[in-house]
Amino acid sequence: MKRKAPKVPFWQYIWSVWLAIHFLSVFFLILPFLYLTLSRPAWYPAAHALRKWWGAYILFMSGIRLKPEFEVPLEKGKTYVFVPNHSSYLDIPSVTVLLPGYFIFMAKAELAKLPLFGIFFRTIDIAVNRKSAIQSHKSFLKAGKRLANGVSICLFPEGTIPPNSPELGKFKDGPFRLAIESGVEIVPITLPDNHKRLPDKGSFYGTPGKMRMYVHRPIPAAGLKLEDTASLKQEVYRIIESKLAEYAHHG
């Protein structure tokens, strides 16, 4: 007999509407400044600072308490490839707010087609068309150039939110090949609470509360060969999976 899904309290839908109101209202308020700062690559860091402020505001107003923890401090001005687990639409805002410095995102090309919000993946961020091997390769070449110019990149190794999140989905090779080819350190990131705040379950509801981020010790990729992609991927998978299990056990 199929078990019925637990009924979602009505106030959780109200909370989600409250979140959406702040999300949209502030976005339209800063939209002219976003268009300005995204009009030139030299101004992209200012655009990133603007969306960092935007994310911090909407999360604060929604009653979300951000709690970052770093295994070791990240070196200021150093280039990294950040790889968080993916479990919620809040992952991008939370990572944007909690990671220091200027960095960009790399994600599926569908995001570039979104009305208004797609402006980020048509300018500052990098969209990946996974349906085309040629276009996907071009995106990774572009990412390699950004890393060579000292710009850190954040991409979700699962590619999309897995159906059984927060259980990890299968990792793709892309982030690890990118780190190896560029010779930059790769940084695993564990997001244990985002799926609780705004789950990806087909309905728009969520709850306020704590949202932690654990930034693991960077893993050197310089000196590795492409043949090491699988082992590096497995190492990062194990690190994030172990930390998720630790959070699940201790709450």
C-alpha atoms as a PDB file:
ATOM      1  CA  MET A   1       0.000   0.000   0.000  1.00  0.00           C
ATOM      2  CA  LYS A   2       1.399   3.361  -1.024  1.00  0.00           C
ATOM      3  CA  ARG A   3       2.069   5.673   1.891  1.00  0.00           C
ATOM      4  CA  LYS A   4       0.531   9.131   1.671  1.00  0.00           C
ATOM      5  CA  ALA A   5       2.887  12.078   1.741  1.00  0.00           C
ATOM      6  CA  PRO A   6       2.612  14.108   4.964  1.00  0.00           C
ATOM      7  CA  LYS A   7       0.347  17.121   4.704  1.00  0.00           C
ATOM      8  CA  VAL A   8       2.206  20.396   4.438  1.00  0.00           C
ATOM      9  CA  PRO A   9       1.063  23.057   6.945  1.00  0.00           C
ATOM     10  CA  PHE A  10      -0.535  26.055   5.238  1.00  0.00           C
ATOM     11  CA  TRP A  11       1.829  28.498   6.931  1.00  0.00           C
ATOM     12  CA  GLN A  12       4.748  26.987   5.007  1.00  0.00           C
ATOM     13  CA  TYR A  13       3.129  28.079   1.755  1.00  0.00           C
ATOM     14  CA  ILE A  14       2.614  31.544   3.252  1.00  0.00           C
ATOM     15  CA  TRP A  15       6.307  31.662   4.166  1.00  0.00           C
ATOM     16  CA  SER A  16       7.243  30.732   0.606  1.00  0.00           C
ATOM     17  CA  VAL A  17       5.071  33.536  -0.794  1.00  0.00           C
ATOM     18  CA  TRP A  18       6.762  35.938   1.634  1.00  0.00           C
ATOM     19  CA  LEU A  19      10.147  34.746   0.346  1.00  0.00           C
ATOM     20  CA  ALA A  20       9.048  35.201  -3.264  1.00  0.00           C
ATOM     21  CA  ILE A  21       7.748  38.730  -2.614  1.00  0.00           C
ATOM     22  CA  HIS A  22      11.108  39.867  -1.237  1.00  0.00           C
ATOM     23  CA  PHE A  23      12.975  37.966  -3.952  1.00  0.00           C
ATOM     24  CA  LEU A  24      11.106  39.690  -6.763  1.00  0.00           C
ATOM     25  CA  SER A  25      10.608  43.144  -5.269  1.00  0.00           C
ATOM     26  CA  VAL A  26      14.298  43.671  -4.496  1.00  0.00           C
ATOM     27  CA  PHE A  27      15.315  42.158  -7.836  1.00  0.00           C
ATOM     28  CA  PHE A  28      13.242  44.718  -9.744  1.00  0.00           C
ATOM     29  CA  LEU A  29      14.610  47.460  -7.495  1.00  0.00           C
ATOM     30  CA  ILE A  30      18.227  46.652  -8.338  1.00  0.00           C
ATOM     31  CA  LEU A  31      17.574  45.575 -11.938  1.00  0.00           C
ATOM     32  CA  PRO A  32      18.786  48.860 -13.519  1.00  0.00           C
ATOM     33  CA  PHE A  33      22.044  48.595 -11.559  1.00  0.00           C
ATOM     34  CA  LEU A  34      22.399  44.939 -12.574  1.00  0.00           C
ATOM     35  CA  TYR A  35      22.001  45.816 -16.245  1.00  0.00           C
ATOM     36  CA  LEU A  36      24.623  48.522 -15.821  1.00  0.00           C
ATOM     37  CA  THR A  37      27.205  46.392 -14.005  1.00  0.00           C
ATOM     38  CA  LEU A  38      26.614  43.424 -16.324  1.00  0.00           C
ATOM     39  CA  SER A  39      27.149  45.540 -19.445  1.00  0.00           C
ATOM     40  CA  ARG A  40      30.952  45.257 -19.189  1.00  0.00           C
ATOM     41  CA  PRO A  41      33.080  42.307 -18.014  1.00  0.00           C
ATOM     42  CA  ALA A  42      35.272  44.715 -16.055  1.00  0.00           C
ATOM     43  CA  TRP A  43      32.228  45.536 -13.909  1.00  0.00           C
ATOM     44  CA  TYR A  44      31.221  41.921 -13.220  1.00  0.00           C
ATOM     45  CA  PRO A  45      32.711  41.934  -9.684  1.00  0.00           C
ATOM     46  CA  ALA A  46      30.379  44.829  -8.853  1.00  0.00           C
ATOM     47  CA  ALA A  47      27.427  42.841 -10.217  1.00  0.00           C
ATOM     48  CA  HIS A  48      28.441  39.900  -8.049  1.00  0.00           C
ATOM     49  CA  ALA A  49      28.644  42.139  -4.985  1.00  0.00           C
ATOM     50  CA  LEU A  50      25.159  43.411  -5.814  1.00  0.00           C
ATOM     51  CA  ARG A  51      23.647  39.929  -6.048  1.00  0.00           C
ATOM     52  CA  LYS A  52      25.456  38.956  -2.852  1.00  0.00           C
ATOM     53  CA  TRP A  53      23.678  41.822  -1.077  1.00  0.00           C
ATOM     54  CA  TRP A  54      20.391  40.840  -2.726  1.00  0.00           C
ATOM     55  CA  GLY A  55      20.711  37.243  -1.525  1.00  0.00           C
ATOM     56  CA  ALA A  56      21.651  38.278   2.007  1.00  0.00           C
ATOM     57  CA  TYR A  57      18.636  40.565   2.227  1.00  0.00           C
ATOM     58  CA  ILE A  58      16.017  38.075   1.037  1.00  0.00           C
ATOM     59  CA  LEU A  59      17.382  35.268   3.233  1.00  0.00           C
ATOM     60  CA  PHE A  60      17.478  37.528   6.292  1.00  0.00           C
ATOM     61  CA  MET A  61      13.960  38.810   5.694  1.00  0.00           C
ATOM     62  CA  SER A  62      12.766  35.210   5.327  1.00  0.00           C
ATOM     63  CA  GLY A  63      14.033  34.225   8.753  1.00  0.00           C
ATOM     64  CA  ILE A  64      16.914  32.086   7.489  1.00  0.00           C
ATOM     65  CA  ARG A  65      19.966  32.040   9.747  1.00  0.00           C
ATOM     66  CA  LEU A  66      23.125  31.459   7.736  1.00  0.00           C
ATOM     67  CA  LYS A  67      25.892  29.524   9.480  1.00  0.00           C
ATOM     68  CA  PRO A  68      29.062  29.016   7.432  1.00  0.00           C
ATOM     69  CA  GLU A  69      31.983  26.924   8.699  1.00  0.00           C
ATOM     70  CA  PHE A  70      35.373  26.607   7.030  1.00  0.00           C
ATOM     71  CA  GLU A  71      37.644  23.640   7.718  1.00  0.00           C
ATOM     72  CA  VAL A  72      40.546  25.955   6.874  1.00  0.00           C
ATOM     73  CA  PRO A  73      40.438  29.605   5.785  1.00  0.00           C
ATOM     74  CA  LEU A  74      40.378  30.144   2.038  1.00  0.00           C
ATOM     75  CA  GLU A  75      43.314  32.154   0.740  1.00  0.00           C
ATOM     76  CA  LYS A  76      42.307  35.636  -0.351  1.00  0.00           C
ATOM     77  CA  GLY A  77      42.817  36.171  -4.067  1.00  0.00           C
ATOM     78  CA  LYS A  78      43.385  32.483  -4.799  1.00  0.00           C
ATOM     79  CA  THR A  79      41.473  30.755  -7.591  1.00  0.00           C
ATOM     80  CA  TYR A  80      39.288  27.729  -6.769  1.00  0.00           C
ATOM     81  CA  VAL A  81      36.740  25.369  -8.266  1.00  0.00           C
ATOM     82  CA  PHE A  82      33.884  25.110  -5.735  1.00  0.00           C
ATOM     83  CA  VAL A  83      31.706  21.971  -5.838  1.00  0.00           C
ATOM     84  CA  PRO A  84      28.634  21.970  -3.521  1.00  0.00           C
ATOM     85  CA  ASN A  85      25.965  19.285  -3.318  1.00  0.00           C
ATOM     86  CA  HIS A  86      22.670  20.341  -4.924  1.00  0.00           C
ATOM     87  CA  SER A  87      19.354  19.964  -3.074  1.00  0.00           C
ATOM     88  CA  SER A  88      17.373  23.203  -3.319  1.00  0.00           C
ATOM     89  CA  TYR A  89      16.752  26.342  -5.356  1.00  0.00           C
ATOM     90  CA  LEU A  90      18.288  28.164  -2.401  1.00  0.00           C
ATOM     91  CA  ASP A  91      21.705  26.646  -3.114  1.00  0.00           C
ATOM     92  CA  ILE A  92      22.835  29.413  -5.481  1.00  0.00           C
ATOM     93  CA  PRO A  93      21.693  32.303  -3.203  1.00  0.00           C
ATOM     94  CA  SER A  94      23.216  30.720  -0.088  1.00  0.00           C
ATOM     95  CA  VAL A  95      26.563  29.953  -1.733  1.00  0.00           C
ATOM     96  CA  THR A  96      26.629  33.435  -3.261  1.00  0.00           C
ATOM     97  CA  VAL A  97      26.169  35.024   0.151  1.00  0.00           C
ATOM     98  CA  LEU A  98      28.420  32.754   2.208  1.00  0.00           C
ATOM     99  CA  LEU A  99      31.485  32.285   0.018  1.00  0.00           C
ATOM    100  CA  PRO A 100      33.920  35.203   0.207  1.00  0.00           C
ATOM    101  CA  GLY A 101      35.241  37.122  -2.747  1.00  0.00           C
ATOM    102  CA  TYR A 102      34.279  37.226  -6.391  1.00  0.00           C
ATOM    103  CA  PHE A 103      33.383  34.032  -8.218  1.00  0.00           C
ATOM    104  CA  ILE A 104      30.954  32.901 -10.902  1.00  0.00           C
ATOM    105  CA  PHE A 105      28.580  29.996 -11.457  1.00  0.00           C
ATOM    106  CA  MET A 106      28.527  27.405 -14.183  1.00  0.00           C
ATOM    107  CA  ALA A 107      25.192  25.637 -14.694  1.00  0.00           C
ATOM    108  CA  LYS A 108      22.734  24.204 -17.215  1.00  0.00           C
ATOM    109  CA  ALA A 109      21.882  26.321 -20.253  1.00  0.00           C
ATOM    110  CA  GLU A 110      18.169  26.330 -19.415  1.00  0.00           C
ATOM    111  CA  LEU A 111      18.862  28.962 -16.760  1.00  0.00           C
ATOM    112  CA  ALA A 112      19.950  31.423 -19.449  1.00  0.00           C
ATOM    113  CA  LYS A 113      16.469  31.222 -20.967  1.00  0.00           C
ATOM    114  CA  LEU A 114      14.685  32.356 -17.801  1.00  0.00           C
ATOM    115  CA  PRO A 115      12.941  35.731 -18.111  1.00  0.00           C
ATOM    116  CA  LEU A 116      14.990  38.477 -16.434  1.00  0.00           C
ATOM    117  CA  PHE A 117      16.987  36.135 -14.161  1.00  0.00           C
ATOM    118  CA  GLY A 118      18.651  34.537 -17.175  1.00  0.00           C
ATOM    119  CA  ILE A 119      20.697  37.707 -17.573  1.00  0.00           C
ATOM    120  CA  PHE A 120      23.297  36.269 -15.186  1.00  0.00           C
ATOM    121  CA  PHE A 121      23.912  33.183 -17.345  1.00  0.00           C
ATOM    122  CA  ARG A 122      24.097  35.310 -20.463  1.00  0.00           C
ATOM    123  CA  THR A 123      26.791  37.540 -18.978  1.00  0.00           C
ATOM    124  CA  ILE A 124      28.714  36.959 -15.744  1.00  0.00           C
ATOM    125  CA  ASP A 125      28.041  33.209 -15.377  1.00  0.00           C
ATOM    126  CA  ILE A 126      28.598  30.347 -17.819  1.00  0.00           C
ATOM    127  CA  ALA A 127      25.721  28.313 -19.249  1.00  0.00           C
ATOM    128  CA  VAL A 128      26.370  24.720 -20.333  1.00  0.00           C
ATOM    129  CA  ASN A 129      24.327  23.116 -23.100  1.00  0.00           C
ATOM    130  CA  ARG A 130      24.580  19.449 -22.162  1.00  0.00           C
ATOM    131  CA  LYS A 131      22.566  18.411 -25.216  1.00  0.00           C
ATOM    132  CA  SER A 132      25.396  19.494 -27.505  1.00  0.00           C
ATOM    133  CA  ALA A 133      28.892  18.086 -27.046  1.00  0.00           C
ATOM    134  CA  ILE A 134      30.355  20.940 -29.087  1.00  0.00           C
ATOM    135  CA  GLN A 135      28.603  23.695 -27.126  1.00  0.00           C
ATOM    136  CA  SER A 136      29.385  21.987 -23.833  1.00  0.00           C
ATOM    137  CA  HIS A 137      33.065  21.819 -24.795  1.00  0.00           C
ATOM    138  CA  LYS A 138      33.036  25.517 -25.686  1.00  0.00           C
ATOM    139  CA  SER A 139      31.581  26.330 -22.268  1.00  0.00           C
ATOM    140  CA  PHE A 140      34.347  24.426 -20.512  1.00  0.00           C
ATOM    141  CA  LEU A 141      36.975  26.167 -22.638  1.00  0.00           C
ATOM    142  CA  LYS A 142      35.429  29.468 -21.560  1.00  0.00           C
ATOM    143  CA  ALA A 143      35.528  28.311 -17.933  1.00  0.00           C
ATOM    144  CA  GLY A 144      39.196  27.398 -18.305  1.00  0.00           C
ATOM    145  CA  LYS A 145      39.952  30.922 -19.536  1.00  0.00           C
ATOM    146  CA  ARG A 146      38.101  32.441 -16.584  1.00  0.00           C
ATOM    147  CA  LEU A 147      40.133  30.294 -14.168  1.00  0.00           C
ATOM    148  CA  ALA A 148      43.343  31.275 -15.964  1.00  0.00           C
ATOM    149  CA  ASN A 149      42.367  34.912 -15.412  1.00  0.00           C
ATOM    150  CA  GLY A 150      42.005  34.296 -11.675  1.00  0.00           C
ATOM    151  CA  VAL A 151      38.203  33.979 -11.467  1.00  0.00           C
ATOM    152  CA  SER A 152      36.938  31.158  -9.237  1.00  0.00           C
ATOM    153  CA  ILE A 153      34.042  29.025 -10.479  1.00  0.00           C
ATOM    154  CA  CYS A 154      31.255  27.249  -8.601  1.00  0.00           C
ATOM    155  CA  LEU A 155      29.446  24.341 -10.247  1.00  0.00           C
ATOM    156  CA  PHE A 156      27.261  21.553  -8.913  1.00  0.00           C
ATOM    157  CA  PRO A 157      28.820  18.156  -9.693  1.00  0.00           C
ATOM    158  CA  GLU A 158      25.395  16.488  -9.724  1.00  0.00           C
ATOM    159  CA  GLY A 159      24.350  18.789 -12.552  1.00  0.00           C
ATOM    160  CA  THR A 160      20.807  19.097 -11.243  1.00  0.00           C
ATOM    161  CA  ILE A 161      18.846  18.507  -8.031  1.00  0.00           C
ATOM    162  CA  PRO A 162      18.609  14.707  -7.621  1.00  0.00           C
ATOM    163  CA  PRO A 163      15.137  13.210  -7.001  1.00  0.00           C
ATOM    164  CA  ASN A 164      16.133  11.803  -3.599  1.00  0.00           C
ATOM    165  CA  SER A 165      17.994  14.848  -2.283  1.00  0.00           C
ATOM    166  CA  PRO A 166      19.662  15.373   0.119  1.00  0.00           C
ATOM    167  CA  GLU A 167      21.028  11.968  -0.915  1.00  0.00           C
ATOM    168  CA  LEU A 168      23.771  12.660  -3.413  1.00  0.00           C
ATOM    169  CA  GLY A 169      23.160  12.036  -7.082  1.00  0.00           C
ATOM    170  CA  LYS A 170      25.782  10.771  -9.487  1.00  0.00           C
ATOM    171  CA  PHE A 171      28.662  13.210  -9.981  1.00  0.00           C
ATOM    172  CA  LYS A 172      29.640  14.315 -13.474  1.00  0.00           C
ATOM    173  CA  ASP A 173      33.264  14.475 -14.617  1.00  0.00           C
ATOM    174  CA  GLY A 174      33.192  18.112 -15.762  1.00  0.00           C
ATOM    175  CA  PRO A 175      34.143  19.937 -12.543  1.00  0.00           C
ATOM    176  CA  PHE A 176      37.016  17.575 -11.831  1.00  0.00           C
ATOM    177  CA  ARG A 177      38.407  17.639 -15.357  1.00  0.00           C
ATOM    178  CA  LEU A 178      38.208  21.426 -15.219  1.00  0.00           C
ATOM    179  CA  ALA A 179      40.188  21.562 -11.962  1.00  0.00           C
ATOM    180  CA  ILE A 180      42.815  19.129 -13.255  1.00  0.00           C
ATOM    181  CA  GLU A 181      43.250  20.853 -16.618  1.00  0.00           C
ATOM    182  CA  SER A 182      43.477  24.269 -14.943  1.00  0.00           C
ATOM    183  CA  GLY A 183      45.666  23.082 -12.082  1.00  0.00           C
ATOM    184  CA  VAL A 184      43.570  24.846  -9.434  1.00  0.00           C
ATOM    185  CA  GLU A 185      42.417  23.497  -6.098  1.00  0.00           C
ATOM    186  CA  ILE A 186      38.946  22.008  -5.864  1.00  0.00           C
ATOM    187  CA  VAL A 187      36.860  22.799  -2.792  1.00  0.00           C
ATOM    188  CA  PRO A 188      34.062  20.415  -1.694  1.00  0.00           C
ATOM    189  CA  ILE A 189      31.112  22.163  -0.038  1.00  0.00           C
ATOM    190  CA  THR A 190      28.411  20.479   2.029  1.00  0.00           C
ATOM    191  CA  LEU A 191      24.959  22.101   2.225  1.00  0.00           C
ATOM    192  CA  PRO A 192      22.987  20.037   4.798  1.00  0.00           C
ATOM    193  CA  ASP A 193      19.924  22.228   5.414  1.00  0.00           C
ATOM    194  CA  ASN A 194      18.899  23.856   2.144  1.00  0.00           C
ATOM    195  CA  HIS A 195      16.501  21.048   1.237  1.00  0.00           C
ATOM    196  CA  LYS A 196      14.700  21.630   4.559  1.00  0.00           C
ATOM    197  CA  ARG A 197      14.258  25.343   3.959  1.00  0.00           C
ATOM    198  CA  LEU A 198      12.944  25.020   0.382  1.00  0.00           C
ATOM    199  CA  PRO A 199      12.612  21.413  -0.835  1.00  0.00           C
ATOM    200  CA  ASP A 200      12.446  20.574  -4.518  1.00  0.00           C
ATOM    201  CA  LYS A 201       9.304  18.439  -4.300  1.00  0.00           C
ATOM    202  CA  GLY A 202       7.106  19.900  -7.018  1.00  0.00           C
ATOM    203  CA  SER A 203       5.293  22.342  -4.700  1.00  0.00           C
ATOM    204  CA  PHE A 204       6.445  25.745  -3.526  1.00  0.00           C
ATOM    205  CA  TYR A 205       6.658  25.583   0.253  1.00  0.00           C
ATOM    206  CA  GLY A 206       9.367  25.887   2.870  1.00  0.00           C
ATOM    207  CA  THR A 207      10.355  26.974   6.356  1.00  0.00           C
ATOM    208  CA  PRO A 208      12.623  29.501   8.052  1.00  0.00           C
ATOM    209  CA  GLY A 209      15.485  28.260  10.214  1.00  0.00           C
ATOM    210  CA  LYS A 210      19.206  27.602  10.127  1.00  0.00           C
ATOM    211  CA  MET A 211      21.023  27.007   6.858  1.00  0.00           C
ATOM    212  CA  ARG A 212      24.567  25.762   7.328  1.00  0.00           C
ATOM    213  CA  MET A 213      27.406  25.535   4.848  1.00  0.00           C
ATOM    214  CA  TYR A 214      30.560  23.524   5.501  1.00  0.00           C
ATOM    215  CA  VAL A 215      33.521  24.414   3.290  1.00  0.00           C
ATOM    216  CA  HIS A 216      36.018  21.562   3.259  1.00  0.00           C
ATOM    217  CA  ARG A 217      39.762  21.766   2.945  1.00  0.00           C
ATOM    218  CA  PRO A 218      40.823  22.519  -0.665  1.00  0.00           C
ATOM    219  CA  ILE A 219      42.165  19.541  -2.602  1.00  0.00           C
ATOM    220  CA  PRO A 220      45.166  20.213  -4.881  1.00  0.00           C
ATOM    221  CA  ALA A 221      44.639  19.274  -8.530  1.00  0.00           C
ATOM    222  CA  ALA A 222      47.945  20.563  -9.913  1.00  0.00           C
ATOM    223  CA  GLY A 223      50.061  17.660 -11.095  1.00  0.00           C
ATOM    224  CA  LEU A 224      47.083  15.356 -11.579  1.00  0.00           C
ATOM    225  CA  LYS A 225      46.354  13.870 -14.994  1.00  0.00           C
ATOM    226  CA  LEU A 226      42.996  13.413 -16.701  1.00  0.00           C
ATOM    227  CA  GLU A 227      43.262   9.719 -15.825  1.00  0.00           C
ATOM    228  CA  ASP A 228      42.899  10.832 -12.195  1.00  0.00           C
ATOM    229  CA  THR A 229      39.463  12.360 -12.829  1.00  0.00           C
ATOM    230  CA  ALA A 230      37.555   9.348 -11.493  1.00  0.00           C
ATOM    231  CA  SER A 231      39.583   9.091  -8.283  1.00  0.00           C
ATOM    232  CA  LEU A 232      39.305  12.842  -7.598  1.00  0.00           C
ATOM    233  CA  LYS A 233      35.556  12.677  -8.209  1.00  0.00           C
ATOM    234  CA  GLN A 234      35.212   9.719  -5.830  1.00  0.00           C
ATOM    235  CA  GLU A 235      37.241  11.501  -3.158  1.00  0.00           C
ATOM    236  CA  VAL A 236      35.020  14.602  -3.283  1.00  0.00           C
ATOM    237  CA  TYR A 237      31.879  12.436  -3.326  1.00  0.00           C
ATOM    238  CA  ARG A 238      33.066  10.576  -0.228  1.00  0.00           C
ATOM    239  CA  ILE A 239      33.901  13.819   1.611  1.00  0.00           C
ATOM    240  CA  ILE A 240      30.489  15.405   1.007  1.00  0.00           C
ATOM    241  CA  GLU A 241      28.574  12.172   1.609  1.00  0.00           C
ATOM    242  CA  SER A 242      30.349  11.626   4.948  1.00  0.00           C
ATOM    243  CA  LYS A 243      29.641  15.168   6.089  1.00  0.00           C
ATOM    244  CA  LEU A 244      25.953  14.898   5.126  1.00  0.00           C
ATOM    245  CA  ALA A 245      25.736  11.683   7.176  1.00  0.00           C
ATOM    246  CA  GLU A 246      27.405  13.457  10.107  1.00  0.00           C
ATOM    247  CA  TYR A 247      24.889  16.315   9.981  1.00  0.00           C
ATOM    248  CA  ALA A 248      22.005  13.862   9.677  1.00  0.00           C
ATOM    249  CA  HIS A 249      23.196  11.994  12.766  1.00  0.00           C
ATOM    250  CA  HIS A 250      23.819  15.019  14.981  1.00  0.00           C
ATOM    251  CA  GLY A 251      21.029  17.226  13.614  1.00  0.00           C
END
